[in-house]
Amino acid sequence: MKTINTGSATYEGLGKSGKGHVSTGSGALAAQPYGFMTRFEDEPGTNPEELIAAAHASCFTMALSFKLAEAGHENGTVVTKAEVTLEKDDGGFTVTKSALSTKGTVPGMDQATFEKLAGEAKEGCPISKLLDTQITLETSFEG
């Protein structure tokens, strides 16, 4: 099975003075503002690292919920927070890590089992895998 999802971004103006909008193919996000001010200042809007954090948290949480179901549990709640760190370095900026923090409430489960299944979910989470993979790029230009 192969699923392809899309996202798009537009940036009008260049550099700090530019303003962008980001959308998802599903329409769940539609023309959400982003730019320098939403990334590094307090202007309302989103930024790439926040979107990566949301994607990582949601992917991991779903993967863990499936692991819990496979272990025979039918009810429970899993809440995950992802913190994506962006650091300035000699080459500009680098996303240096995505730290997951998860809490589960699963009747009849002990902490050791929850931690084991969480570790397996982290290894199987497609977004965790993506953060360690190569990216492909295709470009076109009209002058």
N, C-alpha and C. Protein backbone atom coordinates (compact mmCIF):
# COMPACT_ATOMS: atom_id res chain seq x y z
N MET A 1 0.84 -1.17 0.00
CA MET A 1 0.00 0.00 0.00
C MET A 1 0.89 1.24 0.00
N LYS A 2 0.52 2.21 -0.81
CA LYS A 2 1.26 3.46 -0.90
C LYS A 2 0.27 4.60 -0.80
N THR A 3 0.54 5.53 0.10
CA THR A 3 -0.30 6.71 0.26
C THR A 3 0.57 7.94 0.06
N ILE A 4 0.09 8.87 -0.71
CA ILE A 4 0.80 10.12 -0.93
C ILE A 4 -0.06 11.26 -0.40
N ASN A 5 0.51 12.06 0.50
CA ASN A 5 -0.17 13.23 1.03
C ASN A 5 0.60 14.46 0.59
N THR A 6 -0.08 15.58 0.53
CA THR A 6 0.57 16.78 0.04
C THR A 6 0.45 17.94 1.02
N GLY A 7 1.36 18.83 0.89
CA GLY A 7 1.34 20.11 1.58
C GLY A 7 1.95 21.12 0.63
N SER A 8 1.60 22.37 0.81
CA SER A 8 2.16 23.40 -0.06
C SER A 8 2.42 24.67 0.73
N ALA A 9 3.33 25.46 0.22
CA ALA A 9 3.67 26.73 0.84
C ALA A 9 3.93 27.77 -0.23
N THR A 10 3.53 28.99 0.05
CA THR A 10 3.79 30.14 -0.81
C THR A 10 4.46 31.20 0.05
N TYR A 11 5.46 31.88 -0.50
CA TYR A 11 6.14 32.95 0.23
C TYR A 11 6.23 34.14 -0.71
N GLU A 12 5.61 35.24 -0.34
CA GLU A 12 5.60 36.44 -1.17
C GLU A 12 6.46 37.50 -0.51
N GLY A 13 7.36 38.09 -1.29
CA GLY A 13 8.39 38.93 -0.73
C GLY A 13 9.52 38.01 -0.31
N LEU A 14 10.68 38.55 -0.08
CA LEU A 14 11.81 37.69 0.23
C LEU A 14 12.41 38.04 1.59
N GLY A 15 13.01 37.04 2.21
CA GLY A 15 13.69 37.24 3.48
C GLY A 15 12.75 37.63 4.60
N LYS A 16 13.24 38.46 5.52
CA LYS A 16 12.47 38.84 6.71
C LYS A 16 11.18 39.57 6.38
N SER A 17 11.16 40.32 5.29
CA SER A 17 9.96 41.09 4.96
C SER A 17 8.89 40.24 4.27
N GLY A 18 9.26 39.03 3.85
CA GLY A 18 8.29 38.18 3.17
C GLY A 18 7.26 37.59 4.12
N LYS A 19 6.16 37.18 3.53
CA LYS A 19 5.11 36.53 4.30
C LYS A 19 4.64 35.32 3.50
N GLY A 20 4.37 34.25 4.23
CA GLY A 20 3.97 33.03 3.54
C GLY A 20 2.67 32.48 4.07
N HIS A 21 2.19 31.48 3.35
CA HIS A 21 1.01 30.72 3.75
C HIS A 21 1.30 29.25 3.48
N VAL A 22 0.86 28.40 4.40
CA VAL A 22 1.08 26.96 4.29
C VAL A 22 -0.28 26.27 4.34
N SER A 23 -0.44 25.24 3.52
CA SER A 23 -1.70 24.50 3.44
C SER A 23 -1.42 23.01 3.34
N THR A 24 -2.39 22.22 3.77
CA THR A 24 -2.32 20.77 3.58
C THR A 24 -3.29 20.38 2.48
N GLY A 25 -2.97 19.30 1.79
CA GLY A 25 -3.81 18.83 0.71
C GLY A 25 -5.22 18.49 1.17
N SER A 26 -5.37 18.06 2.40
CA SER A 26 -6.70 17.70 2.92
C SER A 26 -7.55 18.93 3.22
N GLY A 27 -6.90 20.08 3.35
CA GLY A 27 -7.61 21.29 3.72
C GLY A 27 -7.67 21.52 5.23
N ALA A 28 -7.11 20.60 6.02
CA ALA A 28 -7.10 20.77 7.47
C ALA A 28 -6.38 22.06 7.85
N LEU A 29 -5.32 22.39 7.14
CA LEU A 29 -4.69 23.70 7.24
C LEU A 29 -4.88 24.36 5.89
N ALA A 30 -5.45 25.55 5.90
CA ALA A 30 -5.68 26.27 4.65
C ALA A 30 -5.12 27.68 4.77
N ALA A 31 -4.07 27.95 4.02
CA ALA A 31 -3.46 29.27 3.96
C ALA A 31 -3.13 29.82 5.34
N GLN A 32 -2.54 28.98 6.19
CA GLN A 32 -2.11 29.43 7.51
C GLN A 32 -0.86 30.30 7.36
N PRO A 33 -0.84 31.47 8.00
CA PRO A 33 0.30 32.36 7.83
C PRO A 33 1.57 31.83 8.49
N TYR A 34 2.69 32.09 7.83
CA TYR A 34 4.00 31.81 8.41
C TYR A 34 5.01 32.77 7.79
N GLY A 35 6.10 32.96 8.49
CA GLY A 35 7.15 33.84 8.01
C GLY A 35 8.15 34.04 9.14
N PHE A 36 9.06 34.98 8.93
CA PHE A 36 10.09 35.25 9.93
C PHE A 36 9.46 35.61 11.28
N MET A 37 8.43 36.44 11.25
CA MET A 37 7.82 36.92 12.49
C MET A 37 7.07 35.81 13.23
N THR A 38 6.50 34.85 12.51
CA THR A 38 5.82 33.73 13.19
C THR A 38 6.82 32.69 13.65
N ARG A 39 7.99 32.70 13.07
CA ARG A 39 9.01 31.71 13.42
C ARG A 39 9.90 32.17 14.57
N PHE A 40 10.24 33.46 14.57
CA PHE A 40 11.21 33.94 15.56
C PHE A 40 10.68 35.04 16.47
N GLU A 41 9.50 35.55 16.19
CA GLU A 41 8.91 36.61 17.01
C GLU A 41 7.56 36.10 17.52
N ASP A 42 6.67 36.98 17.90
CA ASP A 42 5.39 36.59 18.49
C ASP A 42 4.20 36.79 17.58
N GLU A 43 4.42 36.96 16.30
CA GLU A 43 3.29 37.16 15.39
C GLU A 43 2.48 35.87 15.27
N PRO A 44 1.15 35.98 15.25
CA PRO A 44 0.32 34.77 15.12
C PRO A 44 0.60 34.04 13.80
N GLY A 45 0.59 32.75 13.87
CA GLY A 45 0.83 31.91 12.70
C GLY A 45 1.63 30.70 13.11
N THR A 46 2.08 29.96 12.15
CA THR A 46 2.81 28.73 12.43
C THR A 46 4.23 28.85 11.90
N ASN A 47 4.98 27.75 11.97
CA ASN A 47 6.33 27.70 11.43
C ASN A 47 6.66 26.24 11.13
N PRO A 48 7.68 26.01 10.31
CA PRO A 48 8.00 24.63 9.92
C PRO A 48 8.28 23.70 11.09
N GLU A 49 8.98 24.18 12.12
CA GLU A 49 9.32 23.31 13.24
C GLU A 49 8.09 22.92 14.03
N GLU A 50 7.14 23.83 14.17
CA GLU A 50 5.89 23.52 14.86
C GLU A 50 5.11 22.46 14.09
N LEU A 51 5.11 22.57 12.77
CA LEU A 51 4.40 21.58 11.95
C LEU A 51 5.08 20.21 12.04
N ILE A 52 6.42 20.19 12.08
CA ILE A 52 7.14 18.93 12.26
C ILE A 52 6.80 18.33 13.62
N ALA A 53 6.76 19.17 14.65
CA ALA A 53 6.42 18.69 16.00
C ALA A 53 5.03 18.07 16.03
N ALA A 54 4.06 18.73 15.41
CA ALA A 54 2.70 18.19 15.38
C ALA A 54 2.65 16.88 14.60
N ALA A 55 3.36 16.82 13.49
CA ALA A 55 3.39 15.59 12.69
C ALA A 55 4.04 14.46 13.48
N HIS A 56 5.15 14.74 14.16
CA HIS A 56 5.85 13.70 14.90
C HIS A 56 5.00 13.21 16.07
N ALA A 57 4.42 14.14 16.82
CA ALA A 57 3.59 13.76 17.97
C ALA A 57 2.39 12.92 17.53
N SER A 58 1.73 13.33 16.45
CA SER A 58 0.54 12.60 16.02
C SER A 58 0.89 11.23 15.45
N CYS A 59 1.98 11.14 14.71
CA CYS A 59 2.40 9.86 14.14
C CYS A 59 2.78 8.88 15.25
N PHE A 60 3.62 9.34 16.19
CA PHE A 60 4.04 8.47 17.28
C PHE A 60 2.84 8.03 18.12
N THR A 61 1.95 8.95 18.44
CA THR A 61 0.78 8.63 19.27
C THR A 61 -0.08 7.57 18.60
N MET A 62 -0.28 7.69 17.30
CA MET A 62 -1.06 6.68 16.57
C MET A 62 -0.33 5.34 16.56
N ALA A 63 0.99 5.37 16.33
CA ALA A 63 1.76 4.13 16.32
C ALA A 63 1.67 3.43 17.68
N LEU A 64 1.77 4.20 18.76
CA LEU A 64 1.68 3.62 20.09
C LEU A 64 0.28 3.07 20.36
N SER A 65 -0.75 3.77 19.91
CA SER A 65 -2.10 3.27 20.12
C SER A 65 -2.31 1.92 19.42
N PHE A 66 -1.69 1.75 18.26
CA PHE A 66 -1.79 0.46 17.57
C PHE A 66 -1.01 -0.63 18.30
N LYS A 67 0.15 -0.28 18.85
CA LYS A 67 0.91 -1.24 19.65
C LYS A 67 0.10 -1.68 20.87
N LEU A 68 -0.56 -0.74 21.52
CA LEU A 68 -1.38 -1.06 22.70
C LEU A 68 -2.55 -1.96 22.31
N ALA A 69 -3.17 -1.68 21.17
CA ALA A 69 -4.28 -2.51 20.70
C ALA A 69 -3.79 -3.92 20.35
N GLU A 70 -2.62 -4.02 19.70
CA GLU A 70 -2.05 -5.32 19.36
C GLU A 70 -1.73 -6.13 20.62
N ALA A 71 -1.45 -5.44 21.72
CA ALA A 71 -1.15 -6.11 22.99
C ALA A 71 -2.44 -6.51 23.72
N GLY A 72 -3.59 -6.28 23.09
CA GLY A 72 -4.85 -6.73 23.65
C GLY A 72 -5.63 -5.70 24.45
N HIS A 73 -5.22 -4.46 24.41
CA HIS A 73 -5.93 -3.42 25.15
C HIS A 73 -6.95 -2.74 24.25
N GLU A 74 -8.13 -2.49 24.79
CA GLU A 74 -9.20 -1.90 23.99
C GLU A 74 -9.48 -0.45 24.35
N ASN A 75 -9.14 -0.03 25.56
CA ASN A 75 -9.43 1.33 26.01
C ASN A 75 -8.17 1.99 26.53
N GLY A 76 -8.13 3.29 26.42
CA GLY A 76 -7.01 4.04 26.96
C GLY A 76 -6.87 5.38 26.26
N THR A 77 -5.93 6.14 26.77
CA THR A 77 -5.63 7.46 26.21
C THR A 77 -4.12 7.62 26.15
N VAL A 78 -3.64 8.17 25.05
CA VAL A 78 -2.22 8.48 24.90
C VAL A 78 -2.13 9.95 24.49
N VAL A 79 -1.30 10.70 25.21
CA VAL A 79 -1.07 12.11 24.91
C VAL A 79 0.44 12.29 24.73
N THR A 80 0.83 12.90 23.62
CA THR A 80 2.24 13.08 23.32
C THR A 80 2.53 14.53 22.96
N LYS A 81 3.63 15.03 23.48
CA LYS A 81 4.14 16.35 23.12
C LYS A 81 5.48 16.14 22.44
N ALA A 82 5.68 16.79 21.32
CA ALA A 82 6.98 16.77 20.64
C ALA A 82 7.56 18.17 20.70
N GLU A 83 8.82 18.26 21.06
CA GLU A 83 9.54 19.53 21.06
C GLU A 83 10.64 19.44 20.01
N VAL A 84 10.49 20.21 18.95
CA VAL A 84 11.47 20.25 17.88
C VAL A 84 12.38 21.45 18.12
N THR A 85 13.68 21.18 18.18
CA THR A 85 14.66 22.21 18.48
C THR A 85 15.33 22.72 17.21
N LEU A 86 15.31 24.03 17.03
CA LEU A 86 15.98 24.70 15.93
C LEU A 86 17.13 25.50 16.53
N GLU A 87 18.35 25.25 16.05
CA GLU A 87 19.52 25.94 16.60
C GLU A 87 20.31 26.63 15.49
N LYS A 88 20.83 27.80 15.82
CA LYS A 88 21.70 28.51 14.90
C LYS A 88 23.09 27.90 14.99
N ASP A 89 23.68 27.67 13.81
CA ASP A 89 25.05 27.15 13.76
C ASP A 89 25.80 27.89 12.66
N ASP A 90 27.01 27.45 12.36
CA ASP A 90 27.84 28.13 11.36
C ASP A 90 27.21 28.17 9.98
N GLY A 91 26.42 27.18 9.64
CA GLY A 91 25.81 27.11 8.32
C GLY A 91 24.42 27.72 8.25
N GLY A 92 23.97 28.36 9.29
CA GLY A 92 22.62 28.92 9.31
C GLY A 92 21.85 28.36 10.49
N PHE A 93 20.84 27.56 10.19
CA PHE A 93 20.02 26.93 11.22
C PHE A 93 19.90 25.44 10.94
N THR A 94 19.78 24.66 12.00
CA THR A 94 19.62 23.22 11.89
C THR A 94 18.59 22.75 12.90
N VAL A 95 17.69 21.88 12.44
CA VAL A 95 16.80 21.20 13.38
C VAL A 95 17.66 20.11 14.00
N THR A 96 17.89 20.21 15.31
CA THR A 96 18.83 19.31 15.96
C THR A 96 18.17 18.12 16.64
N LYS A 97 16.88 18.23 16.99
CA LYS A 97 16.23 17.07 17.58
C LYS A 97 14.72 17.26 17.65
N SER A 98 14.06 16.14 17.81
CA SER A 98 12.64 16.11 18.13
C SER A 98 12.52 15.23 19.37
N ALA A 99 12.14 15.84 20.48
CA ALA A 99 12.03 15.12 21.76
C ALA A 99 10.56 14.81 22.03
N LEU A 100 10.24 13.53 22.17
CA LEU A 100 8.88 13.10 22.46
C LEU A 100 8.70 12.88 23.95
N SER A 101 7.57 13.33 24.46
CA SER A 101 7.19 13.08 25.84
C SER A 101 5.75 12.58 25.80
N THR A 102 5.53 11.35 26.26
CA THR A 102 4.20 10.77 26.15
C THR A 102 3.70 10.27 27.49
N LYS A 103 2.39 10.34 27.64
CA LYS A 103 1.74 9.85 28.85
C LYS A 103 0.58 8.97 28.42
N GLY A 104 0.49 7.82 29.05
CA GLY A 104 -0.59 6.91 28.72
C GLY A 104 -1.42 6.54 29.93
N THR A 105 -2.69 6.36 29.69
CA THR A 105 -3.60 5.82 30.69
C THR A 105 -4.27 4.62 30.04
N VAL A 106 -3.83 3.43 30.44
CA VAL A 106 -4.35 2.20 29.85
C VAL A 106 -4.70 1.25 30.99
N PRO A 107 -6.00 1.02 31.22
CA PRO A 107 -6.40 0.12 32.30
C PRO A 107 -5.76 -1.26 32.16
N GLY A 108 -5.21 -1.78 33.27
CA GLY A 108 -4.63 -3.11 33.28
C GLY A 108 -3.21 -3.20 32.75
N MET A 109 -2.57 -2.09 32.46
CA MET A 109 -1.21 -2.13 31.93
C MET A 109 -0.24 -1.58 32.98
N ASP A 110 0.96 -2.18 33.03
CA ASP A 110 1.98 -1.67 33.94
C ASP A 110 2.94 -0.76 33.16
N GLN A 111 3.70 0.02 33.90
CA GLN A 111 4.59 1.01 33.30
C GLN A 111 5.67 0.37 32.44
N ALA A 112 6.23 -0.74 32.87
CA ALA A 112 7.31 -1.38 32.10
C ALA A 112 6.82 -1.80 30.72
N THR A 113 5.62 -2.36 30.66
CA THR A 113 5.06 -2.77 29.37
C THR A 113 4.78 -1.55 28.50
N PHE A 114 4.22 -0.50 29.13
CA PHE A 114 3.94 0.73 28.38
C PHE A 114 5.23 1.29 27.79
N GLU A 115 6.30 1.33 28.57
CA GLU A 115 7.58 1.85 28.08
C GLU A 115 8.15 0.99 26.96
N LYS A 116 8.01 -0.32 27.07
CA LYS A 116 8.48 -1.23 26.02
C LYS A 116 7.73 -0.97 24.72
N LEU A 117 6.41 -0.88 24.80
CA LEU A 117 5.60 -0.64 23.61
C LEU A 117 5.85 0.75 23.04
N ALA A 118 6.10 1.73 23.90
CA ALA A 118 6.42 3.07 23.43
C ALA A 118 7.74 3.07 22.64
N GLY A 119 8.72 2.31 23.12
CA GLY A 119 9.99 2.19 22.40
C GLY A 119 9.80 1.55 21.03
N GLU A 120 8.96 0.52 20.97
CA GLU A 120 8.67 -0.12 19.69
C GLU A 120 7.94 0.83 18.75
N ALA A 121 7.02 1.62 19.31
CA ALA A 121 6.28 2.58 18.49
C ALA A 121 7.21 3.64 17.93
N LYS A 122 8.17 4.09 18.73
CA LYS A 122 9.14 5.08 18.26
C LYS A 122 9.95 4.53 17.09
N GLU A 123 10.36 3.28 17.19
CA GLU A 123 11.13 2.66 16.11
C GLU A 123 10.30 2.47 14.84
N GLY A 124 9.00 2.25 14.99
CA GLY A 124 8.15 2.01 13.84
C GLY A 124 7.44 3.23 13.29
N CYS A 125 7.52 4.35 13.98
CA CYS A 125 6.83 5.58 13.57
C CYS A 125 7.44 6.11 12.26
N PRO A 126 6.64 6.22 11.20
CA PRO A 126 7.17 6.70 9.93
C PRO A 126 7.81 8.09 9.99
N ILE A 127 7.30 8.99 10.82
CA ILE A 127 7.90 10.32 10.91
C ILE A 127 9.25 10.24 11.64
N SER A 128 9.37 9.37 12.65
CA SER A 128 10.67 9.16 13.28
C SER A 128 11.67 8.66 12.24
N LYS A 129 11.23 7.76 11.39
CA LYS A 129 12.10 7.25 10.34
C LYS A 129 12.46 8.34 9.34
N LEU A 130 11.49 9.19 8.99
CA LEU A 130 11.73 10.26 8.03
C LEU A 130 12.80 11.22 8.51
N LEU A 131 12.79 11.50 9.80
CA LEU A 131 13.76 12.45 10.34
C LEU A 131 15.19 11.96 10.19
N ASP A 132 15.39 10.70 9.82
CA ASP A 132 16.72 10.14 9.58
C ASP A 132 16.95 9.75 8.12
N THR A 133 16.11 10.22 7.20
CA THR A 133 16.24 9.80 5.81
C THR A 133 16.67 10.95 4.92
N GLN A 134 17.02 10.61 3.70
CA GLN A 134 17.40 11.61 2.71
C GLN A 134 16.15 12.23 2.09
N ILE A 135 16.30 13.44 1.59
CA ILE A 135 15.23 14.18 0.96
C ILE A 135 15.54 14.29 -0.53
N THR A 136 14.52 14.19 -1.36
CA THR A 136 14.71 14.42 -2.79
C THR A 136 14.14 15.79 -3.14
N LEU A 137 14.66 16.42 -4.17
CA LEU A 137 14.23 17.76 -4.58
C LEU A 137 14.21 17.85 -6.09
N GLU A 138 13.13 18.35 -6.62
CA GLU A 138 13.00 18.64 -8.04
C GLU A 138 12.63 20.11 -8.17
N THR A 139 13.26 20.83 -9.08
CA THR A 139 12.99 22.26 -9.20
C THR A 139 12.67 22.66 -10.63
N SER A 140 11.97 23.77 -10.79
CA SER A 140 11.78 24.41 -12.09
C SER A 140 11.80 25.92 -11.83
N PHE A 141 12.09 26.68 -12.87
CA PHE A 141 12.21 28.13 -12.68
C PHE A 141 11.75 28.85 -13.92
N GLU A 142 11.03 29.96 -13.71
CA GLU A 142 10.66 30.85 -14.80
C GLU A 142 11.17 32.23 -14.45
N GLY A 143 11.96 32.82 -15.30
CA GLY A 143 12.53 34.12 -15.01
C GLY A 143 11.76 35.27 -15.60
